[in-house]
N, C-alpha and C. Protein backbone atom coordinates (compact mmCIF):
# COMPACT_ATOMS: atom_id res chain seq x y z
N MET A 1 90.68 127.43 96.82
CA MET A 1 90.96 126.42 95.66
C MET A 1 90.22 125.92 94.98
N SER A 2 90.40 126.14 93.50
CA SER A 2 89.51 125.60 92.73
C SER A 2 89.94 124.19 92.18
N ASP A 3 88.88 123.15 91.89
CA ASP A 3 89.04 122.11 91.52
C ASP A 3 90.52 121.87 90.73
N SER A 4 90.38 122.71 89.34
CA SER A 4 91.57 122.67 88.43
C SER A 4 92.94 123.38 89.45
N GLU A 5 92.81 123.92 90.15
CA GLU A 5 93.99 124.09 90.78
C GLU A 5 94.42 122.95 92.15
N GLU A 6 93.56 122.20 92.14
CA GLU A 6 93.62 120.97 93.27
C GLU A 6 94.34 120.11 92.78
N ASP A 7 93.55 119.83 91.65
CA ASP A 7 94.14 118.75 90.45
C ASP A 7 95.78 118.41 89.96
N SER A 8 95.92 120.17 89.73
CA SER A 8 97.16 120.40 89.42
C SER A 8 98.46 120.05 90.22
N GLN A 9 98.06 120.14 91.67
CA GLN A 9 98.87 120.22 92.60
C GLN A 9 99.46 118.60 92.47
N ASP A 10 101.10 118.20 92.24
CA ASP A 10 101.43 116.96 92.48
C ASP A 10 101.53 116.70 94.02
N ARG A 11 101.16 115.27 94.29
CA ARG A 11 101.50 114.47 95.29
C ARG A 11 103.15 114.09 95.54
N GLN A 12 103.33 114.31 96.41
CA GLN A 12 105.22 113.74 96.71
C GLN A 12 105.26 112.74 97.24
N LEU A 13 106.24 111.71 96.74
CA LEU A 13 106.15 110.53 97.73
C LEU A 13 107.84 110.19 97.41
N LYS A 14 108.17 109.91 98.78
CA LYS A 14 109.86 109.56 98.77
C LYS A 14 110.08 107.85 98.76
N MET A 15 110.74 107.27 97.92
CA MET A 15 110.90 105.90 97.62
C MET A 15 112.42 105.92 97.73
N VAL A 16 112.63 104.82 98.20
CA VAL A 16 114.20 104.29 98.79
C VAL A 16 114.36 102.94 98.14
N LEU A 17 115.22 103.02 97.57
CA LEU A 17 116.27 101.41 96.81
C LEU A 17 117.11 101.06 97.35
N ILE A 18 117.07 99.75 98.11
CA ILE A 18 118.41 99.28 98.82
C ILE A 18 118.51 97.67 98.63
N GLY A 19 119.47 97.30 99.01
CA GLY A 19 120.37 96.16 98.44
C GLY A 19 121.46 95.89 98.24
N ASP A 20 121.98 94.60 98.38
CA ASP A 20 123.56 95.14 97.68
C ASP A 20 124.02 95.52 96.88
N GLY A 21 125.23 95.86 97.08
CA GLY A 21 125.88 96.68 95.42
C GLY A 21 125.68 95.53 94.45
N ALA A 22 125.79 96.20 93.26
CA ALA A 22 125.53 95.36 92.02
C ALA A 22 124.37 94.38 91.67
N SER A 23 123.08 94.85 92.42
CA SER A 23 122.02 94.15 92.45
C SER A 23 121.10 94.66 91.33
N GLY A 24 121.39 95.99 91.25
CA GLY A 24 120.78 96.59 89.87
C GLY A 24 119.91 97.90 90.57
N LYS A 25 120.16 98.55 91.59
CA LYS A 25 119.44 99.52 92.09
C LYS A 25 119.47 100.89 91.16
N THR A 26 120.66 100.99 90.72
CA THR A 26 121.22 102.49 90.00
C THR A 26 120.53 101.92 88.85
N SER A 27 120.55 100.97 88.11
CA SER A 27 120.07 100.62 86.70
C SER A 27 118.29 100.72 86.82
N LEU A 28 117.74 100.18 88.00
CA LEU A 28 116.26 100.47 88.01
C LEU A 28 116.06 101.88 87.84
N ALA A 29 116.71 102.74 88.63
CA ALA A 29 116.35 103.94 88.97
C ALA A 29 116.22 104.71 87.87
N THR A 30 117.48 104.38 86.80
CA THR A 30 117.72 105.22 85.66
C THR A 30 117.22 104.82 84.85
N ARG A 31 116.48 103.15 84.48
CA ARG A 31 115.59 102.82 83.97
C ARG A 31 114.01 103.62 84.03
N PHE A 32 113.84 103.84 85.28
CA PHE A 32 112.67 104.15 85.45
C PHE A 32 112.22 105.76 85.37
N ALA A 33 113.30 106.44 85.80
CA ALA A 33 113.66 107.91 85.70
C ALA A 33 113.90 108.67 84.26
N GLN A 34 114.62 107.52 83.92
CA GLN A 34 115.35 108.37 82.46
C GLN A 34 115.16 107.30 81.27
N GLU A 35 114.52 106.29 81.24
CA GLU A 35 114.18 105.10 80.38
C GLU A 35 115.65 104.97 79.71
N ALA A 36 116.61 104.56 80.51
CA ALA A 36 118.14 104.67 79.80
C ALA A 36 118.62 103.44 80.68
N PHE A 37 119.79 102.84 80.17
CA PHE A 37 120.29 101.54 80.59
C PHE A 37 121.87 101.60 80.44
N GLY A 38 122.59 101.62 81.59
CA GLY A 38 123.81 102.16 81.38
C GLY A 38 124.63 100.29 81.40
N LYS A 39 125.60 100.14 80.18
CA LYS A 39 126.08 98.81 80.25
C LYS A 39 127.34 98.97 81.21
N GLN A 40 127.71 100.01 81.31
CA GLN A 40 128.95 99.67 82.66
C GLN A 40 128.73 99.50 84.13
N TYR A 41 129.17 99.01 85.03
CA TYR A 41 128.48 98.87 86.10
C TYR A 41 129.64 100.10 87.07
N LYS A 42 128.84 101.00 87.98
CA LYS A 42 129.56 102.03 88.60
C LYS A 42 128.86 102.27 90.08
N GLN A 43 129.72 101.52 91.20
CA GLN A 43 129.08 101.36 92.22
C GLN A 43 128.71 102.99 93.38
N THR A 44 127.82 103.22 93.61
CA THR A 44 126.63 104.46 94.28
C THR A 44 127.90 104.60 95.51
N ILE A 45 128.09 105.64 95.58
CA ILE A 45 128.82 106.20 96.46
C ILE A 45 127.75 106.82 97.58
N GLY A 46 127.39 106.49 98.67
CA GLY A 46 126.31 107.46 99.69
C GLY A 46 124.71 107.19 98.79
N LEU A 47 124.32 108.14 98.04
CA LEU A 47 123.38 108.16 97.12
C LEU A 47 123.06 109.04 96.20
N ASP A 48 122.26 108.21 95.20
CA ASP A 48 121.87 109.34 94.04
C ASP A 48 120.14 109.57 93.98
N PHE A 49 119.86 110.51 93.33
CA PHE A 49 118.61 111.06 93.60
C PHE A 49 118.14 111.36 92.40
N PHE A 50 116.58 110.93 92.01
CA PHE A 50 115.97 110.84 90.67
C PHE A 50 114.93 111.39 91.09
N LEU A 51 113.92 111.93 90.02
CA LEU A 51 112.60 112.47 90.28
C LEU A 51 112.03 112.03 89.18
N LYS A 52 110.71 111.69 89.31
CA LYS A 52 109.94 110.93 88.33
C LYS A 52 108.73 111.21 88.27
N ARG A 53 107.76 111.76 87.38
CA ARG A 53 106.31 112.43 87.70
C ARG A 53 105.65 111.03 86.71
N ILE A 54 104.66 110.68 87.31
CA ILE A 54 103.77 109.71 87.10
C ILE A 54 102.47 110.07 87.15
N THR A 55 101.39 110.00 86.42
CA THR A 55 99.88 109.85 86.47
C THR A 55 99.32 108.50 87.07
N LEU A 56 98.54 108.44 88.02
CA LEU A 56 98.05 106.76 88.73
C LEU A 56 96.53 107.49 88.16
N PRO A 57 95.74 106.02 88.19
CA PRO A 57 94.37 105.87 87.72
C PRO A 57 93.34 107.46 88.76
N GLY A 58 92.36 107.67 88.13
CA GLY A 58 91.94 109.10 88.68
C GLY A 58 92.64 110.42 88.30
N ASN A 59 93.40 109.96 87.47
CA ASN A 59 94.37 111.15 87.02
C ASN A 59 94.87 111.88 87.90
N LEU A 60 95.50 111.50 88.86
CA LEU A 60 96.46 111.75 89.93
C LEU A 60 97.86 111.80 89.59
N ASN A 61 98.06 113.08 89.80
CA ASN A 61 99.74 113.49 89.47
C ASN A 61 100.75 113.24 90.22
N VAL A 62 101.38 112.07 90.55
CA VAL A 62 102.32 111.85 91.84
C VAL A 62 103.96 112.11 91.44
N THR A 63 104.54 112.88 92.14
CA THR A 63 106.41 112.91 91.92
C THR A 63 106.87 112.15 93.03
N LEU A 64 107.70 111.21 92.32
CA LEU A 64 108.41 110.31 93.05
C LEU A 64 109.94 110.90 93.41
N GLN A 65 110.36 110.94 94.46
CA GLN A 65 111.45 111.17 94.63
C GLN A 65 112.11 109.83 94.78
N VAL A 66 113.00 109.35 94.06
CA VAL A 66 113.71 107.98 94.12
C VAL A 66 115.10 108.35 94.69
N TRP A 67 115.08 107.83 95.83
CA TRP A 67 116.53 107.86 96.71
C TRP A 67 117.28 106.25 96.36
N ASP A 68 118.35 106.21 95.62
CA ASP A 68 119.25 105.33 95.01
C ASP A 68 120.43 104.89 96.22
N ILE A 69 120.38 104.27 97.30
CA ILE A 69 121.34 103.90 98.39
C ILE A 69 122.60 103.32 98.25
N GLY A 70 123.60 103.66 97.97
CA GLY A 70 124.85 102.88 97.62
C GLY A 70 124.75 101.31 98.67
N GLY A 71 125.28 100.14 97.81
CA GLY A 71 125.17 98.73 98.97
C GLY A 71 126.26 98.84 99.53
N GLN A 72 126.86 99.30 100.03
CA GLN A 72 128.30 99.49 100.76
C GLN A 72 127.82 100.03 101.95
N THR A 73 126.69 100.69 102.31
CA THR A 73 126.45 101.48 103.55
C THR A 73 125.44 100.67 104.52
N ILE A 74 125.30 99.33 104.37
CA ILE A 74 124.54 98.53 105.28
C ILE A 74 124.85 98.81 106.58
N GLY A 75 126.15 99.39 107.20
CA GLY A 75 126.44 99.56 108.51
C GLY A 75 126.85 101.20 108.60
N GLY A 76 126.68 101.69 107.37
CA GLY A 76 126.76 103.01 107.59
C GLY A 76 125.89 103.75 108.41
N LYS A 77 126.64 104.95 109.20
CA LYS A 77 125.83 105.76 110.15
C LYS A 77 124.65 106.47 109.34
N MET A 78 124.73 106.97 108.31
CA MET A 78 123.27 107.74 107.26
C MET A 78 122.50 106.88 106.69
N LEU A 79 122.49 105.23 107.02
CA LEU A 79 121.57 104.84 106.46
C LEU A 79 119.95 104.90 106.87
N ASP A 80 119.90 105.22 108.21
CA ASP A 80 118.63 104.96 108.62
C ASP A 80 118.04 106.50 108.57
N LYS A 81 119.03 107.37 108.65
CA LYS A 81 118.60 108.92 107.90
C LYS A 81 118.00 108.73 106.76
N TYR A 82 118.57 107.92 105.67
CA TYR A 82 118.22 108.21 104.29
C TYR A 82 117.09 107.35 103.84
N ILE A 83 116.53 106.20 105.30
CA ILE A 83 115.36 105.26 104.93
C ILE A 83 114.23 106.19 105.42
N TYR A 84 114.61 107.07 106.55
CA TYR A 84 113.67 107.67 107.64
C TYR A 84 112.33 108.42 106.48
N GLY A 85 111.12 108.39 106.90
CA GLY A 85 110.49 109.42 105.87
C GLY A 85 109.79 108.90 104.92
N ALA A 86 110.55 107.62 104.55
CA ALA A 86 110.03 107.13 103.05
C ALA A 86 108.91 106.30 103.12
N GLN A 87 108.04 106.83 102.18
CA GLN A 87 106.77 105.80 101.94
C GLN A 87 106.94 104.74 101.40
N GLY A 88 107.83 104.40 100.70
CA GLY A 88 108.09 103.31 99.89
C GLY A 88 109.63 102.98 99.81
N VAL A 89 109.58 101.50 100.14
CA VAL A 89 110.60 101.17 99.96
C VAL A 89 111.10 100.21 99.15
N LEU A 90 111.91 99.87 98.16
CA LEU A 90 112.21 98.75 97.15
C LEU A 90 113.51 98.02 97.67
N LEU A 91 113.43 96.83 98.14
CA LEU A 91 114.49 95.81 98.42
C LEU A 91 114.69 95.00 97.32
N VAL A 92 115.91 95.28 96.94
CA VAL A 92 116.53 94.74 95.94
C VAL A 92 117.16 93.73 95.66
N TYR A 93 117.18 92.61 94.88
CA TYR A 93 118.28 91.86 94.67
C TYR A 93 118.25 91.49 93.22
N ASP A 94 119.38 90.57 93.18
CA ASP A 94 119.79 89.95 91.80
C ASP A 94 119.28 88.60 91.64
N ILE A 95 118.58 87.86 91.07
CA ILE A 95 118.14 86.44 90.91
C ILE A 95 119.29 85.70 90.21
N THR A 96 120.29 85.98 90.19
CA THR A 96 121.65 85.43 89.80
C THR A 96 122.78 85.22 90.83
N ASN A 97 122.49 86.04 92.17
CA ASN A 97 123.29 85.84 93.19
C ASN A 97 122.81 85.87 94.10
N SER A 98 122.68 84.73 94.70
CA SER A 98 122.16 84.17 96.03
C SER A 98 122.47 84.80 96.88
N GLN A 99 123.36 85.44 97.24
CA GLN A 99 124.16 86.17 98.36
C GLN A 99 123.45 87.60 98.65
N SER A 100 123.26 88.02 97.34
CA SER A 100 122.04 89.24 97.32
C SER A 100 121.06 89.09 98.11
N PHE A 101 120.18 87.65 98.00
CA PHE A 101 119.11 87.69 98.37
C PHE A 101 119.05 87.39 100.12
N GLU A 102 120.58 86.70 100.25
CA GLU A 102 120.55 86.21 101.63
C GLU A 102 120.67 87.42 102.65
N ASN A 103 121.16 88.25 102.34
CA ASN A 103 121.51 89.54 102.79
C ASN A 103 120.26 90.45 102.90
N LEU A 104 119.38 90.16 102.24
CA LEU A 104 118.21 91.01 102.50
C LEU A 104 117.26 90.96 103.94
N GLU A 105 117.72 90.11 104.53
CA GLU A 105 117.39 90.17 106.16
C GLU A 105 117.84 90.92 106.70
N ASP A 106 119.31 91.42 106.32
CA ASP A 106 120.05 92.04 106.97
C ASP A 106 119.36 93.99 106.75
N TRP A 107 119.21 94.12 105.27
CA TRP A 107 118.39 95.33 104.77
C TRP A 107 117.09 95.60 105.25
N TYR A 108 116.34 94.49 105.36
CA TYR A 108 114.81 94.79 105.73
C TYR A 108 114.86 94.92 107.29
N SER A 109 116.22 94.46 108.24
CA SER A 109 115.99 94.90 109.30
C SER A 109 116.53 96.51 109.59
N MET A 110 117.42 96.77 108.81
CA MET A 110 117.44 98.62 109.00
C MET A 110 116.12 99.15 108.37
N VAL A 111 115.39 98.61 107.61
CA VAL A 111 114.20 99.42 107.26
C VAL A 111 113.39 99.45 108.28
N LYS A 112 112.93 98.21 109.03
CA LYS A 112 112.52 98.33 110.70
C LYS A 112 112.75 99.13 111.56
N LYS A 113 114.40 99.22 111.69
CA LYS A 113 114.68 100.12 112.93
C LYS A 113 114.98 101.58 112.34
N ALA A 114 114.70 101.87 111.49
CA ALA A 114 114.83 103.00 110.61
C ALA A 114 113.14 104.02 111.05
N ASN A 115 112.40 103.04 110.94
CA ASN A 115 111.11 103.56 110.98
C ASN A 115 110.28 102.96 112.37
N GLU A 116 111.14 102.82 113.46
CA GLU A 116 110.79 102.27 114.64
C GLU A 116 110.13 103.60 115.56
N GLU A 117 110.12 104.29 115.12
CA GLU A 117 109.40 105.75 115.65
C GLU A 117 108.34 106.43 114.95
N SER A 118 108.25 106.04 113.57
CA SER A 118 107.62 106.46 112.85
C SER A 118 106.04 106.36 112.71
N GLU A 119 104.87 106.93 112.63
CA GLU A 119 103.67 106.52 112.95
C GLU A 119 103.41 105.85 111.76
N VAL A 120 103.62 105.88 110.46
CA VAL A 120 103.30 105.69 109.07
C VAL A 120 104.45 104.59 108.84
N GLN A 121 104.36 103.62 108.75
CA GLN A 121 105.19 102.41 108.16
C GLN A 121 105.21 102.55 106.30
N PRO A 122 106.46 102.26 105.86
CA PRO A 122 106.55 102.32 104.51
C PRO A 122 105.77 101.07 103.98
N VAL A 123 105.55 101.29 102.83
CA VAL A 123 105.14 100.29 101.82
C VAL A 123 106.39 99.48 101.44
N ILE A 124 107.02 98.38 101.47
CA ILE A 124 108.11 97.77 101.10
C ILE A 124 107.47 96.61 100.16
N ALA A 125 108.36 96.79 98.74
CA ALA A 125 108.38 95.47 97.65
C ALA A 125 109.31 94.89 97.92
N LEU A 126 109.57 93.38 97.42
CA LEU A 126 110.39 92.70 97.23
C LEU A 126 110.86 92.76 95.48
N VAL A 127 112.22 92.99 95.23
CA VAL A 127 112.17 93.33 93.34
C VAL A 127 113.10 92.49 93.43
N ALA A 128 112.71 91.46 92.58
CA ALA A 128 113.93 90.66 91.90
C ALA A 128 114.35 90.95 90.58
N ASN A 129 115.67 91.65 90.83
CA ASN A 129 115.93 92.17 89.35
C ASN A 129 116.65 91.02 88.42
N LYS A 130 117.20 91.45 87.10
CA LYS A 130 117.93 90.71 86.17
C LYS A 130 116.96 89.37 85.59
N ILE A 131 115.70 89.39 85.60
CA ILE A 131 114.97 88.09 85.08
C ILE A 131 115.14 88.04 83.36
N ASP A 132 115.85 89.00 82.73
CA ASP A 132 116.01 88.59 81.52
C ASP A 132 117.38 87.57 81.62
N LEU A 133 118.19 87.16 82.55
CA LEU A 133 119.02 86.31 83.17
C LEU A 133 118.10 84.92 83.88
N GLU A 134 117.26 84.75 83.31
CA GLU A 134 116.75 83.42 84.03
C GLU A 134 117.06 82.00 83.77
N HIS A 135 117.87 82.23 82.70
CA HIS A 135 118.49 80.67 82.83
C HIS A 135 120.03 80.81 83.62
N MET A 136 120.57 81.70 84.45
CA MET A 136 121.69 82.11 85.14
C MET A 136 120.77 82.28 87.00
N ARG A 137 119.60 82.00 86.90
CA ARG A 137 119.00 81.91 88.18
C ARG A 137 119.44 81.32 89.14
N THR A 138 119.91 81.86 90.47
CA THR A 138 119.99 81.08 91.24
C THR A 138 119.17 81.20 92.59
N VAL A 139 118.46 81.96 92.70
CA VAL A 139 117.31 81.99 93.59
C VAL A 139 115.67 81.84 93.30
N LYS A 140 115.64 80.71 93.77
CA LYS A 140 114.29 80.16 93.54
C LYS A 140 113.27 80.97 93.85
N VAL A 141 112.49 80.95 92.95
CA VAL A 141 110.80 81.67 92.71
C VAL A 141 110.20 81.62 94.15
N ASP A 142 110.15 80.14 94.83
CA ASP A 142 109.44 79.58 96.19
C ASP A 142 109.97 80.60 97.41
N LYS A 143 111.37 80.95 97.19
CA LYS A 143 112.13 81.22 98.36
C LYS A 143 111.53 82.97 98.17
N HIS A 144 111.74 83.57 97.17
CA HIS A 144 110.87 84.83 97.02
C HIS A 144 109.89 85.17 97.63
N GLN A 145 108.97 84.24 97.07
CA GLN A 145 107.29 84.54 97.51
C GLN A 145 107.29 84.03 99.01
N ARG A 146 108.02 83.24 99.52
CA ARG A 146 107.97 82.93 100.87
C ARG A 146 108.30 84.29 101.72
N PHE A 147 109.59 84.46 101.34
CA PHE A 147 109.86 85.59 102.02
C PHE A 147 108.93 86.99 102.33
N CYS A 148 108.24 87.13 100.85
CA CYS A 148 106.97 88.30 100.67
C CYS A 148 106.06 87.67 101.62
N GLN A 149 105.36 86.45 101.81
CA GLN A 149 104.47 86.20 102.46
C GLN A 149 104.49 86.22 103.77
N GLU A 150 105.97 86.21 104.63
CA GLU A 150 106.14 85.90 105.93
C GLU A 150 106.44 87.62 106.13
N ASN A 151 106.78 88.46 105.44
CA ASN A 151 106.62 89.87 105.83
C ASN A 151 106.01 90.78 105.19
N GLY A 152 104.83 90.34 104.49
CA GLY A 152 103.67 91.35 104.02
C GLY A 152 104.26 92.18 102.95
N LEU A 153 104.97 91.67 102.01
CA LEU A 153 105.69 92.57 101.11
C LEU A 153 105.03 92.60 99.77
N ILE A 154 104.96 93.75 98.82
CA ILE A 154 104.82 93.74 97.76
C ILE A 154 105.27 92.67 96.83
N SER A 155 105.18 91.80 95.91
CA SER A 155 106.25 90.86 94.86
C SER A 155 106.56 91.25 93.91
N GLN A 156 107.51 91.63 93.40
CA GLN A 156 107.78 92.01 91.83
C GLN A 156 109.06 91.31 91.05
N PHE A 157 108.58 90.95 89.84
CA PHE A 157 109.90 90.59 89.09
C PHE A 157 110.21 91.53 88.18
N VAL A 158 111.44 92.09 87.72
CA VAL A 158 111.91 92.89 86.81
C VAL A 158 112.96 92.67 86.00
N SER A 159 113.30 93.39 85.18
CA SER A 159 114.60 93.56 84.23
C SER A 159 114.68 95.24 83.59
N ALA A 160 115.84 95.38 84.72
CA ALA A 160 115.93 96.92 84.29
C ALA A 160 116.90 97.03 83.01
N LYS A 161 117.32 96.07 82.52
CA LYS A 161 118.18 96.20 81.44
C LYS A 161 117.27 95.80 80.12
N THR A 162 116.04 95.31 80.29
CA THR A 162 114.87 95.27 79.25
C THR A 162 113.80 96.48 79.50
N GLY A 163 113.50 96.53 80.84
CA GLY A 163 112.67 97.61 81.12
C GLY A 163 111.55 96.91 81.49
N ASP A 164 111.32 95.55 81.58
CA ASP A 164 110.08 94.29 81.83
C ASP A 164 109.61 95.01 83.16
N SER A 165 108.72 95.56 83.33
CA SER A 165 107.88 95.70 84.31
C SER A 165 108.57 96.88 85.72
N VAL A 166 109.46 97.48 84.89
CA VAL A 166 109.95 98.47 85.94
C VAL A 166 108.76 99.61 86.38
N PHE A 167 108.35 100.18 85.22
CA PHE A 167 107.22 101.22 85.15
C PHE A 167 106.31 100.49 86.55
N LEU A 168 106.06 99.16 86.23
CA LEU A 168 104.76 98.70 86.83
C LEU A 168 105.54 98.36 88.47
N CYS A 169 106.56 98.34 89.12
CA CYS A 169 107.24 98.12 90.07
C CYS A 169 107.11 99.45 90.91
N PHE A 170 107.51 100.37 90.24
CA PHE A 170 106.70 101.72 91.09
C PHE A 170 105.76 102.29 90.76
N GLN A 171 105.02 102.02 90.09
CA GLN A 171 103.62 102.11 89.93
C GLN A 171 102.71 101.68 90.97
N ARG A 172 103.12 100.40 91.18
CA ARG A 172 102.43 99.53 92.28
C ARG A 172 102.36 100.09 93.51
N VAL A 173 103.92 100.34 93.89
CA VAL A 173 103.97 100.78 95.35
C VAL A 173 103.54 102.13 95.83
N ALA A 174 103.65 103.01 94.56
CA ALA A 174 102.92 104.38 94.86
C ALA A 174 101.45 104.28 94.82
N ALA A 175 100.51 103.40 94.23
CA ALA A 175 99.30 103.15 94.14
C ALA A 175 99.08 102.46 95.63
N GLU A 176 99.76 101.67 96.22
CA GLU A 176 99.57 101.11 97.51
C GLU A 176 99.41 102.19 98.66
N ILE A 177 100.68 102.96 98.54
CA ILE A 177 100.80 103.83 99.41
C ILE A 177 99.76 105.01 99.70
N LEU A 178 99.25 105.17 98.60
CA LEU A 178 97.96 106.05 98.29
C LEU A 178 96.22 105.74 98.00
N GLY A 179 96.50 104.31 98.66
CA GLY A 179 95.33 103.49 98.68
C GLY A 179 94.37 103.73 97.29
N ILE A 180 95.04 103.16 96.13
CA ILE A 180 94.91 103.29 94.73
C ILE A 180 94.51 101.82 93.95
N LYS A 181 93.67 101.34 94.07
CA LYS A 181 93.79 100.09 93.05
C LYS A 181 94.08 100.17 91.55
N LEU A 182 94.91 99.29 91.17
CA LEU A 182 94.91 99.21 89.46
C LEU A 182 94.32 98.22 89.18
N ASN A 183 93.50 98.16 87.76
CA ASN A 183 93.18 97.09 87.28
C ASN A 183 94.01 96.07 86.30
N LYS A 184 93.54 95.43 86.00
CA LYS A 184 94.23 94.15 85.02
C LYS A 184 95.12 95.20 83.80
N ALA A 185 93.75 95.78 83.34
CA ALA A 185 94.64 96.66 82.24
C ALA A 185 95.45 97.56 82.31
N GLU A 186 95.40 98.10 83.45
CA GLU A 186 96.66 99.42 83.35
C GLU A 186 98.13 98.53 84.16
N ILE A 187 97.79 97.23 84.74
CA ILE A 187 98.76 96.52 85.37
C ILE A 187 99.92 95.74 83.76
N GLU A 188 98.69 95.22 82.95
CA GLU A 188 99.15 95.05 81.73
C GLU A 188 99.97 95.86 81.00
N GLN A 189 99.27 96.97 80.75
CA GLN A 189 99.96 98.13 79.91
C GLN A 189 101.27 98.56 80.77
N SER A 190 101.35 98.47 82.02
CA SER A 190 102.78 98.75 82.67
C SER A 190 103.71 98.00 82.45
N GLN A 191 103.47 96.59 82.04
CA GLN A 191 104.46 95.58 81.94
C GLN A 191 105.10 95.68 80.45
N ARG A 192 104.88 96.56 79.66
CA ARG A 192 105.14 96.09 78.94
C ARG A 192 106.61 96.77 78.06
N ILE A 193 107.43 95.86 77.58
CA ILE A 193 108.93 96.23 77.11
C ILE A 193 109.20 97.46 76.82
N VAL A 194 110.22 98.18 77.57
CA VAL A 194 110.95 99.40 76.96
C VAL A 194 111.66 99.11 75.81
N ARG A 195 111.36 99.61 74.54
CA ARG A 195 112.23 99.11 72.83
C ARG A 195 113.33 99.43 72.82
N ALA A 196 114.28 100.14 73.88
CA ALA A 196 115.48 100.29 73.44
C ALA A 196 116.39 99.02 73.30
N GLU A 197 116.32 98.30 73.76
CA GLU A 197 117.06 97.00 73.45
C GLU A 197 117.13 96.54 71.93
N LEU A 198 116.12 96.71 71.84
CA LEU A 198 115.72 96.26 70.19
C LEU A 198 116.34 97.12 69.18
N VAL A 199 116.27 98.43 69.53
CA VAL A 199 117.12 99.23 68.97
C VAL A 199 118.99 99.32 69.00
N ASP A 200 119.07 98.73 70.20
CA ASP A 200 120.59 98.57 70.28
C ASP A 200 120.97 97.66 69.23
N TYR A 201 120.10 96.56 69.45
CA TYR A 201 120.48 94.91 69.35
C TYR A 201 119.45 94.45 68.29
N PRO A 202 119.21 95.01 67.12
CA PRO A 202 118.14 94.62 65.97
C PRO A 202 118.67 93.02 65.30
N GLN A 203 119.98 92.89 65.78
CA GLN A 203 119.89 91.05 65.16
C GLN A 203 119.40 90.58 66.04
N ASP A 204 119.55 90.81 67.31
CA ASP A 204 118.75 89.94 68.49
C ASP A 204 117.27 89.95 68.68
N GLU A 205 116.39 90.72 67.81
CA GLU A 205 115.30 90.93 67.99
C GLU A 205 113.95 89.65 68.27
N GLY A 206 114.38 88.62 67.61
CA GLY A 206 113.62 87.17 67.66
C GLY A 206 113.94 87.05 69.40
N LEU A 207 115.43 87.15 69.68
CA LEU A 207 115.60 86.38 70.85
C LEU A 207 115.44 87.22 72.11
N ILE A 208 115.41 88.53 72.17
CA ILE A 208 114.78 89.41 72.93
C ILE A 208 113.34 89.26 72.95
N THR A 209 112.00 88.99 72.08
CA THR A 209 111.19 89.05 72.32
C THR A 209 110.77 87.64 72.88
N GLN A 210 111.76 86.68 73.08
CA GLN A 210 111.31 85.43 73.53
C GLN A 210 111.50 85.63 74.87
N ASP A 211 112.69 86.37 75.34
CA ASP A 211 113.20 86.48 76.49
C ASP A 211 111.88 87.42 77.36
N SER A 212 111.50 88.31 76.63
CA SER A 212 110.71 89.40 77.12
C SER A 212 109.37 88.04 77.57
N ASN A 213 108.96 87.57 76.77
CA ASN A 213 107.60 86.41 77.28
C ASN A 213 108.11 85.68 78.28
N GLN A 214 109.11 85.11 78.28
CA GLN A 214 109.53 84.19 79.75
C GLN A 214 109.70 85.37 80.72
N SER A 215 109.71 86.47 80.69
CA SER A 215 109.82 87.68 81.81
C SER A 215 108.50 87.81 82.29
N LYS A 216 107.31 88.26 81.59
CA LYS A 216 106.19 88.39 81.92
C LYS A 216 105.70 86.96 82.51
N ILE A 217 105.99 85.67 82.19
CA ILE A 217 105.71 84.77 83.40
C ILE A 217 105.70 84.57 84.48
N CYS A 218 107.61 85.34 84.73
CA CYS A 218 107.85 85.39 86.10
C CYS A 218 107.11 86.18 86.64
N SER A 219 106.98 87.25 86.17
CA SER A 219 106.49 88.85 86.84
C SER A 219 105.25 88.69 87.28
N VAL A 220 104.24 87.84 86.86
CA VAL A 220 102.97 87.60 87.28
C VAL A 220 102.84 86.25 88.44
N GLN A 221 104.10 85.92 88.95
CA GLN A 221 103.77 84.50 89.65
C GLN A 221 103.35 85.28 90.98
């Protein structure tokens, strides 16, 4: 096989999004895979499945299989089967809903249980969603950071609505799985805001820019 043929072959990674219903898992997945945000909430039953191809440093093409698992299935018989074999797991909660954070212990336990017999443990990120609603936050940042430190998790703050740091979140997990280091410039580029909100609501442009700057402060804490 030539170098060019080898370069053209994508690596495939399975990433699973888990957490309480209405924490924004589907919004994160669709924002990442389709660069879209649905304004109506519809509960995911079972799971949804997305594919997205990204390029990591070193010109490495990676296809991410994103599994969006319904929030009502924490006690479901299929949950461990959905999680098994995932190289990356995103534990998602809503910063305005303290119960969604408290329930992370149960979700995290399910991840550990599903991978008890696996030789390779998944890379896990704690994902705080809805940072565009900073003024409604009920989960303090230090609680988030403590959970990450105690369990060795990647820490990420995102907004599925504005797109803030959504691509960066998936990129960081994929890079960690493959042992690739992201430099500061690559991280900053991936933090950029998706422009869809400005198109939808041009009259709020000044407000959104301000919120976006606040979000960036959160996302690098």
